[in-house]
C-alpha atoms as a PDB file:
ATOM      1  CA  MET A   1       0.137   8.121-138.474  1.00  0.00           C
ATOM      2  CA  GLY A   2       0.986   8.242-134.769  1.00  0.00           C
ATOM      3  CA  GLY A   3       0.999   5.504-132.194  1.00  0.00           C
ATOM      4  CA  LYS A   4       0.888   4.572-128.550  1.00  0.00           C
ATOM      5  CA  VAL A   5       4.238   3.751-126.965  1.00  0.00           C
ATOM      6  CA  ALA A   6       5.030   2.053-123.658  1.00  0.00           C
ATOM      7  CA  ILE A   7       8.289   2.982-121.958  1.00  0.00           C
ATOM      8  CA  VAL A   8       8.952  -0.193-119.998  1.00  0.00           C
ATOM      9  CA  ALA A   9      11.320   0.626-117.138  1.00  0.00           C
ATOM     10  CA  ASP A  10      11.869   0.143-113.427  1.00  0.00           C
ATOM     11  CA  ARG A  11      11.669   3.897-112.778  1.00  0.00           C
ATOM     12  CA  ILE A  12      10.772   7.162-114.476  1.00  0.00           C
ATOM     13  CA  SER A  13      13.720   9.530-114.455  1.00  0.00           C
ATOM     14  CA  TRP A  14      14.847  12.576-116.440  1.00  0.00           C
ATOM     15  CA  GLU A  15      15.142  10.689-119.730  1.00  0.00           C
ATOM     16  CA  GLU A  16      11.755   8.978-119.462  1.00  0.00           C
ATOM     17  CA  ARG A  17      10.055  12.258-118.574  1.00  0.00           C
ATOM     18  CA  ARG A  18      11.534  13.928-121.647  1.00  0.00           C
ATOM     19  CA  LEU A  19      10.339  11.086-123.851  1.00  0.00           C
ATOM     20  CA  VAL A  20       6.821  11.345-122.418  1.00  0.00           C
ATOM     21  CA  GLU A  21       6.840  15.135-122.930  1.00  0.00           C
ATOM     22  CA  ARG A  22       8.167  15.056-126.507  1.00  0.00           C
ATOM     23  CA  GLY A  23       5.896  12.250-127.725  1.00  0.00           C
ATOM     24  CA  PRO A  24       2.811  14.383-128.552  1.00  0.00           C
ATOM     25  CA  GLU A  25       4.934  16.759-130.654  1.00  0.00           C
ATOM     26  CA  HIS A  26       5.563  13.796-132.944  1.00  0.00           C
ATOM     27  CA  GLY A  27       2.100  12.290-132.893  1.00  0.00           C
ATOM     28  CA  LEU A  28       2.867   9.766-130.159  1.00  0.00           C
ATOM     29  CA  VAL A  29       1.187   8.953-126.884  1.00  0.00           C
ATOM     30  CA  VAL A  30       4.018   7.841-124.598  1.00  0.00           C
ATOM     31  CA  GLU A  31       3.379   6.246-121.215  1.00  0.00           C
ATOM     32  CA  TRP A  32       5.619   4.783-118.545  1.00  0.00           C
ATOM     33  CA  VAL A  33       4.850   1.159-117.643  1.00  0.00           C
ATOM     34  CA  ASN A  34       6.524  -0.305-114.560  1.00  0.00           C
ATOM     35  CA  ASP A  35       8.517  -3.324-115.679  1.00  0.00           C
ATOM     36  CA  GLU A  36       7.544  -5.136-112.473  1.00  0.00           C
ATOM     37  CA  SER A  37       3.829  -5.056-113.306  1.00  0.00           C
ATOM     38  CA  LEU A  38       3.564  -6.792-116.679  1.00  0.00           C
ATOM     39  CA  CYS A  39       3.254 -10.500-115.829  1.00  0.00           C
ATOM     40  CA  LEU A  40       4.078 -11.458-119.422  1.00  0.00           C
ATOM     41  CA  GLY A  41       3.874 -14.968-120.831  1.00  0.00           C
ATOM     42  CA  ASP A  42       0.417 -15.165-122.342  1.00  0.00           C
ATOM     43  CA  GLN A  43       0.812 -14.583-126.087  1.00  0.00           C
ATOM     44  CA  ASP A  44      -2.058 -12.086-125.990  1.00  0.00           C
ATOM     45  CA  ALA A  45      -0.020  -9.982-123.507  1.00  0.00           C
ATOM     46  CA  GLU A  46      -2.983  -8.165-121.997  1.00  0.00           C
ATOM     47  CA  SER A  47      -0.741  -5.701-120.107  1.00  0.00           C
ATOM     48  CA  LEU A  48       0.813  -4.446-123.375  1.00  0.00           C
ATOM     49  CA  LYS A  49      -2.103  -5.110-125.725  1.00  0.00           C
ATOM     50  CA  SER A  50      -3.034  -1.459-126.209  1.00  0.00           C
ATOM     51  CA  TYR A  51       0.494  -0.373-127.255  1.00  0.00           C
ATOM     52  CA  ASP A  52       1.882  -0.159-130.788  1.00  0.00           C
ATOM     53  CA  LEU A  53       5.523  -0.295-129.665  1.00  0.00           C
ATOM     54  CA  VAL A  54       7.507  -1.020-126.527  1.00  0.00           C
ATOM     55  CA  LEU A  55      10.580   1.056-125.711  1.00  0.00           C
ATOM     56  CA  VAL A  56      12.619  -1.015-123.234  1.00  0.00           C
ATOM     57  CA  ARG A  57      14.513   1.167-120.763  1.00  0.00           C
ATOM     58  CA  SER A  58      14.943  -1.186-117.797  1.00  0.00           C
ATOM     59  CA  ARG A  59      18.294  -0.526-116.150  1.00  0.00           C
ATOM     60  CA  SER A  60      18.752  -4.270-115.743  1.00  0.00           C
ATOM     61  CA  TYR A  61      19.953  -5.934-118.940  1.00  0.00           C
ATOM     62  CA  THR A  62      18.582  -9.261-117.753  1.00  0.00           C
ATOM     63  CA  ARG A  63      15.147  -7.849-116.972  1.00  0.00           C
ATOM     64  CA  GLY A  64      15.025  -5.843-120.192  1.00  0.00           C
ATOM     65  CA  GLY A  65      16.045  -8.807-122.324  1.00  0.00           C
ATOM     66  CA  LEU A  66      13.410 -11.078-120.799  1.00  0.00           C
ATOM     67  CA  LEU A  67      10.648  -8.519-121.248  1.00  0.00           C
ATOM     68  CA  ALA A  68      11.695  -7.752-124.824  1.00  0.00           C
ATOM     69  CA  THR A  69      11.656 -11.469-125.665  1.00  0.00           C
ATOM     70  CA  LEU A  70       8.086 -11.898-124.444  1.00  0.00           C
ATOM     71  CA  ALA A  71       6.834  -8.662-125.998  1.00  0.00           C
ATOM     72  CA  GLU A  72       8.212  -9.814-129.350  1.00  0.00           C
ATOM     73  CA  ALA A  73       6.525 -13.183-128.869  1.00  0.00           C
ATOM     74  CA  ALA A  74       3.262 -11.241-128.485  1.00  0.00           C
ATOM     75  CA  HIS A  75       3.974  -9.589-131.878  1.00  0.00           C
ATOM     76  CA  ILE A  76       4.652  -6.126-130.435  1.00  0.00           C
ATOM     77  CA  PRO A  77       7.528  -4.144-132.000  1.00  0.00           C
ATOM     78  CA  VAL A  78      10.308  -3.577-129.456  1.00  0.00           C
ATOM     79  CA  LEU A  79      13.211  -1.120-129.219  1.00  0.00           C
ATOM     80  CA  ASN A  80      15.767  -2.341-128.676  1.00  0.00           C
ATOM     81  CA  THR A  81      15.173  -5.907-129.785  1.00  0.00           C
ATOM     82  CA  SER A  82      15.795  -8.794-127.426  1.00  0.00           C
ATOM     83  CA  ALA A  83      18.718  -9.896-129.615  1.00  0.00           C
ATOM     84  CA  VAL A  84      20.388  -6.504-129.228  1.00  0.00           C
ATOM     85  CA  ILE A  85      19.800  -6.383-125.469  1.00  0.00           C
ATOM     86  CA  HIS A  86      21.223  -9.872-124.990  1.00  0.00           C
ATOM     87  CA  ALA A  87      24.258  -8.945-127.106  1.00  0.00           C
ATOM     88  CA  CYS A  88      24.897  -5.817-125.023  1.00  0.00           C
ATOM     89  CA  GLU A  89      24.341  -7.397-121.590  1.00  0.00           C
ATOM     90  CA  ASN A  90      27.343  -9.729-121.936  1.00  0.00           C
ATOM     91  CA  LYS A  91      30.542  -7.692-122.323  1.00  0.00           C
ATOM     92  CA  LEU A  92      32.471 -10.727-123.530  1.00  0.00           C
ATOM     93  CA  ALA A  93      29.876 -11.759-126.133  1.00  0.00           C
ATOM     94  CA  LEU A  94      29.621  -8.176-127.367  1.00  0.00           C
ATOM     95  CA  ARG A  95      33.353  -7.790-127.801  1.00  0.00           C
ATOM     96  CA  ALA A  96      33.610 -11.162-129.548  1.00  0.00           C
ATOM     97  CA  LEU A  97      30.812 -10.160-131.937  1.00  0.00           C
ATOM     98  CA  LEU A  98      32.374  -6.766-132.692  1.00  0.00           C
ATOM     99  CA  ARG A  99      35.870  -8.183-133.029  1.00  0.00           C
ATOM    100  CA  LYS A 100      34.590 -10.773-135.520  1.00  0.00           C
ATOM    101  CA  ALA A 101      33.054  -7.906-137.505  1.00  0.00           C
ATOM    102  CA  GLY A 102      36.427  -6.148-137.612  1.00  0.00           C
ATOM    103  CA  VAL A 103      35.507  -3.480-135.034  1.00  0.00           C
ATOM    104  CA  PRO A 104      38.402  -2.563-132.698  1.00  0.00           C
ATOM    105  CA  VAL A 105      37.563  -3.212-129.048  1.00  0.00           C
ATOM    106  CA  THR A 106      39.383  -2.794-125.747  1.00  0.00           C
ATOM    107  CA  ASP A 107      41.934  -5.555-125.184  1.00  0.00           C
ATOM    108  CA  PHE A 108      40.776  -8.059-122.548  1.00  0.00           C
ATOM    109  CA  ARG A 109      41.296 -11.411-120.878  1.00  0.00           C
ATOM    110  CA  LEU A 110      38.497 -13.641-119.622  1.00  0.00           C
ATOM    111  CA  VAL A 111      38.889 -14.535-115.946  1.00  0.00           C
ATOM    112  CA  LEU A 112      37.000 -17.514-114.500  1.00  0.00           C
ATOM    113  CA  SER A 113      39.466 -18.575-111.817  1.00  0.00           C
ATOM    114  CA  ARG A 114      42.446 -17.341-109.797  1.00  0.00           C
ATOM    115  CA  ARG A 115      44.694 -19.163-112.252  1.00  0.00           C
ATOM    116  CA  ASP A 116      43.131 -17.134-115.084  1.00  0.00           C
ATOM    117  CA  PHE A 117      43.496 -13.969-113.040  1.00  0.00           C
ATOM    118  CA  ARG A 118      47.190 -14.445-112.328  1.00  0.00           C
ATOM    119  CA  LYS A 119      47.905 -15.247-115.969  1.00  0.00           C
ATOM    120  CA  ALA A 120      45.941 -12.188-117.084  1.00  0.00           C
ATOM    121  CA  ALA A 121      47.932 -10.033-114.639  1.00  0.00           C
ATOM    122  CA  ASP A 122      51.126 -11.354-116.251  1.00  0.00           C
ATOM    123  CA  GLU A 123      49.913 -10.446-119.742  1.00  0.00           C
ATOM    124  CA  VAL A 124      48.194  -7.104-119.059  1.00  0.00           C
ATOM    125  CA  PRO A 125      50.510  -4.541-117.461  1.00  0.00           C
ATOM    126  CA  PHE A 126      49.543  -2.714-114.276  1.00  0.00           C
ATOM    127  CA  PRO A 127      47.540  -0.627-113.686  1.00  0.00           C
ATOM    128  CA  LEU A 128      44.742  -2.810-114.966  1.00  0.00           C
ATOM    129  CA  VAL A 129      40.954  -2.897-114.663  1.00  0.00           C
ATOM    130  CA  LEU A 130      38.856  -5.770-113.338  1.00  0.00           C
ATOM    131  CA  LYS A 131      35.177  -5.662-114.316  1.00  0.00           C
ATOM    132  CA  PRO A 132      32.230  -8.057-114.247  1.00  0.00           C
ATOM    133  CA  ILE A 133      30.998  -9.444-117.558  1.00  0.00           C
ATOM    134  CA  PHE A 134      27.412  -8.794-116.470  1.00  0.00           C
ATOM    135  CA  GLY A 135      26.622  -5.398-115.018  1.00  0.00           C
ATOM    136  CA  GLY A 136      26.592  -1.692-115.698  1.00  0.00           C
ATOM    137  CA  MET A 137      26.703   1.864-114.338  1.00  0.00           C
ATOM    138  CA  GLY A 138      30.329   1.406-113.293  1.00  0.00           C
ATOM    139  CA  LYS A 139      29.473  -1.013-110.481  1.00  0.00           C
ATOM    140  CA  ARG A 140      32.221  -3.434-109.357  1.00  0.00           C
ATOM    141  CA  VAL A 141      34.637  -1.955-111.911  1.00  0.00           C
ATOM    142  CA  THR A 142      37.945  -1.856-110.046  1.00  0.00           C
ATOM    143  CA  LEU A 143      41.273  -0.209-110.827  1.00  0.00           C
ATOM    144  CA  LEU A 144      44.173  -2.387-109.667  1.00  0.00           C
ATOM    145  CA  ARG A 145      47.546  -0.659-109.460  1.00  0.00           C
ATOM    146  CA  ASP A 146      49.736  -3.515-108.197  1.00  0.00           C
ATOM    147  CA  ARG A 147      49.743  -7.293-107.783  1.00  0.00           C
ATOM    148  CA  ASP A 148      49.348  -7.355-103.989  1.00  0.00           C
ATOM    149  CA  THR A 149      46.166  -5.311-104.195  1.00  0.00           C
ATOM    150  CA  ALA A 150      44.990  -7.384-107.155  1.00  0.00           C
ATOM    151  CA  ASP A 151      45.327 -10.662-105.254  1.00  0.00           C
ATOM    152  CA  SER A 152      43.455  -9.233-102.267  1.00  0.00           C
ATOM    153  CA  VAL A 153      40.614  -7.904-104.416  1.00  0.00           C
ATOM    154  CA  TYR A 154      40.265 -11.226-106.185  1.00  0.00           C
ATOM    155  CA  ASP A 155      39.590 -12.847-102.794  1.00  0.00           C
ATOM    156  CA  TYR A 156      36.268 -11.004-102.849  1.00  0.00           C
ATOM    157  CA  VAL A 157      35.499 -12.174-106.394  1.00  0.00           C
ATOM    158  CA  GLU A 158      36.060 -15.781-105.361  1.00  0.00           C
ATOM    159  CA  ASP A 159      33.683 -15.317-102.466  1.00  0.00           C
ATOM    160  CA  LEU A 160      30.759 -14.246-104.668  1.00  0.00           C
ATOM    161  CA  GLY A 161      27.988 -16.808-104.606  1.00  0.00           C
ATOM    162  CA  HIS A 162      27.126 -17.249-108.276  1.00  0.00           C
ATOM    163  CA  ALA A 163      29.302 -18.232-111.223  1.00  0.00           C
ATOM    164  CA  PHE A 164      27.966 -15.412-113.422  1.00  0.00           C
ATOM    165  CA  GLU A 165      29.098 -12.901-110.756  1.00  0.00           C
ATOM    166  CA  GLN A 166      32.569 -14.416-110.726  1.00  0.00           C
ATOM    167  CA  ALA A 167      32.990 -14.154-114.498  1.00  0.00           C
ATOM    168  CA  CYS A 168      35.170 -11.090-115.097  1.00  0.00           C
ATOM    169  CA  LEU A 169      37.307  -9.334-117.651  1.00  0.00           C
ATOM    170  CA  VAL A 170      40.785  -7.975-117.079  1.00  0.00           C
ATOM    171  CA  GLU A 171      41.718  -5.136-119.379  1.00  0.00           C
ATOM    172  CA  PRO A 172      44.375  -2.407-119.529  1.00  0.00           C
ATOM    173  CA  PHE A 173      43.679   0.914-117.849  1.00  0.00           C
ATOM    174  CA  ILE A 174      43.430   3.405-120.699  1.00  0.00           C
ATOM    175  CA  ASP A 175      44.248   6.883-119.421  1.00  0.00           C
ATOM    176  CA  GLY A 176      43.536   8.807-122.586  1.00  0.00           C
ATOM    177  CA  GLY A 177      41.475  11.736-121.391  1.00  0.00           C
ATOM    178  CA  GLY A 178      38.287   9.907-120.508  1.00  0.00           C
ATOM    179  CA  SER A 179      35.747   8.227-122.742  1.00  0.00           C
ATOM    180  CA  VAL A 180      33.510   9.429-125.557  1.00  0.00           C
ATOM    181  CA  ARG A 181      29.792   8.599-125.330  1.00  0.00           C
ATOM    182  CA  CYS A 182      28.038   8.469-128.693  1.00  0.00           C
ATOM    183  CA  LEU A 183      24.253   8.430-128.690  1.00  0.00           C
ATOM    184  CA  VAL A 184      22.918   6.599-131.709  1.00  0.00           C
ATOM    185  CA  VAL A 185      19.307   6.688-132.869  1.00  0.00           C
ATOM    186  CA  GLY A 186      18.563   4.384-135.770  1.00  0.00           C
ATOM    187  CA  ARG A 187      21.860   4.554-137.617  1.00  0.00           C
ATOM    188  CA  GLU A 188      22.725   8.164-136.871  1.00  0.00           C
ATOM    189  CA  VAL A 189      25.023   9.621-134.232  1.00  0.00           C
ATOM    190  CA  VAL A 190      22.773  12.348-132.821  1.00  0.00           C
ATOM    191  CA  ALA A 191      25.004  13.583-129.981  1.00  0.00           C
ATOM    192  CA  THR A 192      28.446  13.033-128.499  1.00  0.00           C
ATOM    193  CA  ALA A 193      30.220  14.081-125.310  1.00  0.00           C
ATOM    194  CA  ARG A 194      33.482  13.349-123.549  1.00  0.00           C
ATOM    195  CA  PHE A 195      33.244  12.020-119.989  1.00  0.00           C
ATOM    196  CA  GLU A 196      36.177  12.563-117.648  1.00  0.00           C
ATOM    197  CA  SER A 197      36.838  11.721-114.017  1.00  0.00           C
ATOM    198  CA  ASN A 198      35.558  14.349-111.583  1.00  0.00           C
ATOM    199  CA  GLY A 199      38.730  13.950-109.519  1.00  0.00           C
ATOM    200  CA  GLU A 200      36.951  12.072-106.727  1.00  0.00           C
ATOM    201  CA  ASP A 201      36.673   8.779-108.604  1.00  0.00           C
ATOM    202  CA  TRP A 202      38.979   7.404-111.300  1.00  0.00           C
ATOM    203  CA  ARG A 203      35.985   6.208-113.346  1.00  0.00           C
ATOM    204  CA  ASN A 204      34.439   8.469-115.989  1.00  0.00           C
ATOM    205  CA  ASN A 205      30.925   7.048-115.890  1.00  0.00           C
ATOM    206  CA  ALA A 206      28.090   9.613-116.034  1.00  0.00           C
ATOM    207  CA  ALA A 207      26.085   7.558-113.535  1.00  0.00           C
ATOM    208  CA  ILE A 208      28.659   8.336-110.830  1.00  0.00           C
ATOM    209  CA  GLY A 209      29.051  12.043-111.549  1.00  0.00           C
ATOM    210  CA  SER A 210      31.787  12.472-114.127  1.00  0.00           C
ATOM    211  CA  ASN A 211      32.641  15.748-115.822  1.00  0.00           C
ATOM    212  CA  HIS A 212      31.465  16.039-119.423  1.00  0.00           C
ATOM    213  CA  HIS A 213      32.383  18.223-122.387  1.00  0.00           C
ATOM    214  CA  THR A 214      31.325  18.680-125.978  1.00  0.00           C
ATOM    215  CA  VAL A 215      33.119  16.721-128.690  1.00  0.00           C
ATOM    216  CA  ASP A 216      33.497  17.793-132.310  1.00  0.00           C
ATOM    217  CA  ARG A 217      32.240  15.326-134.899  1.00  0.00           C
ATOM    218  CA  ASP A 218      35.242  13.236-135.843  1.00  0.00           C
ATOM    219  CA  PRO A 219      35.216  11.027-138.955  1.00  0.00           C
ATOM    220  CA  ALA A 220      37.094   8.371-136.980  1.00  0.00           C
ATOM    221  CA  ILE A 221      34.293   8.312-134.374  1.00  0.00           C
ATOM    222  CA  THR A 222      31.545   8.294-137.006  1.00  0.00           C
ATOM    223  CA  GLY A 223      33.192   5.457-138.931  1.00  0.00           C
ATOM    224  CA  LEU A 224      33.601   3.344-135.816  1.00  0.00           C
ATOM    225  CA  VAL A 225      29.999   3.907-134.741  1.00  0.00           C
ATOM    226  CA  ASP A 226      28.795   2.995-138.235  1.00  0.00           C
ATOM    227  CA  ALA A 227      30.681  -0.289-137.935  1.00  0.00           C
ATOM    228  CA  VAL A 228      29.072  -1.054-134.558  1.00  0.00           C
ATOM    229  CA  VAL A 229      25.586  -0.384-135.928  1.00  0.00           C
ATOM    230  CA  ALA A 230      26.330  -2.539-138.976  1.00  0.00           C
ATOM    231  CA  ALA A 231      27.204  -5.406-136.621  1.00  0.00           C
ATOM    232  CA  LEU A 232      24.240  -4.980-134.251  1.00  0.00           C
ATOM    233  CA  GLY A 233      21.575  -3.483-136.516  1.00  0.00           C
ATOM    234  CA  GLU A 234      19.620  -0.266-136.145  1.00  0.00           C
ATOM    235  CA  GLY A 235      18.612   0.731-132.641  1.00  0.00           C
ATOM    236  CA  ILE A 236      19.040   3.206-129.806  1.00  0.00           C
ATOM    237  CA  TYR A 237      22.521   2.923-128.318  1.00  0.00           C
ATOM    238  CA  GLY A 238      24.991   4.569-126.031  1.00  0.00           C
ATOM    239  CA  ILE A 239      28.372   3.588-127.475  1.00  0.00           C
ATOM    240  CA  ASP A 240      31.402   4.260-125.274  1.00  0.00           C
ATOM    241  CA  LEU A 241      34.787   4.725-126.922  1.00  0.00           C
ATOM    242  CA  PHE A 242      38.310   4.998-125.573  1.00  0.00           C
ATOM    243  CA  ARG A 243      41.109   6.708-127.450  1.00  0.00           C
ATOM    244  CA  THR A 244      44.381   4.758-127.657  1.00  0.00           C
ATOM    245  CA  ALA A 245      47.676   5.335-129.439  1.00  0.00           C
ATOM    246  CA  ASP A 246      46.253   3.328-132.350  1.00  0.00           C
ATOM    247  CA  GLY A 247      42.934   5.156-132.501  1.00  0.00           C
ATOM    248  CA  TYR A 248      39.515   4.727-130.934  1.00  0.00           C
ATOM    249  CA  VAL A 249      38.289   1.392-129.586  1.00  0.00           C
ATOM    250  CA  VAL A 250      34.825   0.353-128.426  1.00  0.00           C
ATOM    251  CA  ASN A 251      34.556  -0.259-124.698  1.00  0.00           C
ATOM    252  CA  GLU A 252      30.820  -0.861-124.188  1.00  0.00           C
ATOM    253  CA  VAL A 253      27.452  -0.530-125.885  1.00  0.00           C
ATOM    254  CA  ASN A 254      24.451   0.343-123.695  1.00  0.00           C
ATOM    255  CA  HIS A 255      20.998  -0.881-124.726  1.00  0.00           C
ATOM    256  CA  ALA A 256      19.041   1.736-122.721  1.00  0.00           C
ATOM    257  CA  PRO A 257      21.403   4.682-122.511  1.00  0.00           C
ATOM    258  CA  GLY A 258      20.976   7.529-120.119  1.00  0.00           C
ATOM    259  CA  PHE A 259      21.266  10.678-122.202  1.00  0.00           C
ATOM    260  CA  ARG A 260      20.827  13.588-119.813  1.00  0.00           C
ATOM    261  CA  ALA A 261      24.533  14.412-119.607  1.00  0.00           C
ATOM    262  CA  VAL A 262      25.085  14.180-123.358  1.00  0.00           C
ATOM    263  CA  ALA A 263      21.905  16.101-124.187  1.00  0.00           C
ATOM    264  CA  THR A 264      22.594  18.959-121.780  1.00  0.00           C
ATOM    265  CA  THR A 265      26.249  19.177-122.800  1.00  0.00           C
ATOM    266  CA  SER A 266      25.654  19.075-126.559  1.00  0.00           C
ATOM    267  CA  GLY A 267      22.359  20.969-126.601  1.00  0.00           C
ATOM    268  CA  VAL A 268      20.799  18.211-128.728  1.00  0.00           C
ATOM    269  CA  ASP A 269      17.148  17.286-128.142  1.00  0.00           C
ATOM    270  CA  VAL A 270      17.799  13.547-127.923  1.00  0.00           C
ATOM    271  CA  ALA A 271      14.252  12.733-126.811  1.00  0.00           C
ATOM    272  CA  SER A 272      12.837  14.251-130.006  1.00  0.00           C
ATOM    273  CA  ALA A 273      15.337  12.298-132.103  1.00  0.00           C
ATOM    274  CA  ILE A 274      14.134   9.095-130.436  1.00  0.00           C
ATOM    275  CA  ALA A 275      10.485  10.058-130.962  1.00  0.00           C
ATOM    276  CA  ARG A 276      11.109  10.675-134.678  1.00  0.00           C
ATOM    277  CA  TYR A 277      12.793   7.295-134.991  1.00  0.00           C
ATOM    278  CA  VAL A 278       9.891   5.573-133.245  1.00  0.00           C
ATOM    279  CA  ARG A 279       7.551   7.145-135.795  1.00  0.00           C
ATOM    280  CA  GLU A 280       9.728   5.756-138.599  1.00  0.00           C
ATOM    281  CA  VAL A 281       9.636   2.266-137.081  1.00  0.00           C
ATOM    282  CA  LEU A 282       5.862   2.436-136.740  1.00  0.00           C
ATOM    283  CA  GLY A 283       5.572   3.508-140.361  1.00  0.00           C
END
C-alpha cells in the first residue's frame, strides 16, 4: 500500500526535492504544499483532504506547530506531531522535559531580566553563550567573552519589543570539537556527522556554513539518542550533541531537520529512510 504525502513547508530546498524524488521508489506520491496557502480551520480541511499524511517541514517552529495541530484536528496523520513540534520549539521546555527523563542536557540559566542575566553571568563562567528560547538556525546565538561585552549585548535584548524575544538562556561555551548531529527516523539513528566552525564564525551550525565530518557509531551517542526518542516518542529528528568532560549532552532537537550536510558527508540516503518510515506509519 502506498499513499499521497504533502510536504508542508515555506520553501522547497534540497531536502524537499530529495523527498519528492525518492517517494515513488517507495510507493509514495510526494508533493510540496506551501504552508502559506492552506487556510486551515475547517475540520474537513479541504486544502489537505486528498493527502494520507502530512510531513511538516516549515522552518518556523511556531508555524509548523500551528499547522500540525489543525491537520491533526482534521484527522490527518502528521510527522512530526504537534506535541513534538511544540516540545522542540521551546528550548527551555525541551531541556526540562529531557532532564526530567534523566537525559543529560547542556547546563543553562533562564534569563528574563537584567537581574537574571547578571546572576547567570556570576554562576556560568566566561566565555558563555546567550541564546533565545525561541528560534533556530543559529540566529541571535551570541558568544560573550567578558562581562563588559555581555552587559552591552544585553542592552539590545532589553530593547526587543516582545517578551518571548527577550526570554533567553545563558549556558557555558563548550569548546569540545564542535557538535554531533544525529538524524533519527522513527527510532533509528540513520546518519551522524560532526559539525565544526569553518574558522569564520565560532558557531558550528550547518545553516551558516560549518565544516562537517563523518562520525563513527558510538554506543554513548546511540544510548543518548535512544533516551531522547523514549522521552519524545518516535519521529524524524535532528538531535545535536555536545561532548563534555563528563560525556555527551543534548543541546537541541530539531523537528524539521535539514539533512543535506549529514547525508552528503555520511553517504546515507536519508530521504529514502524517511520515505520507508512514512510507509510504515501509513501501514
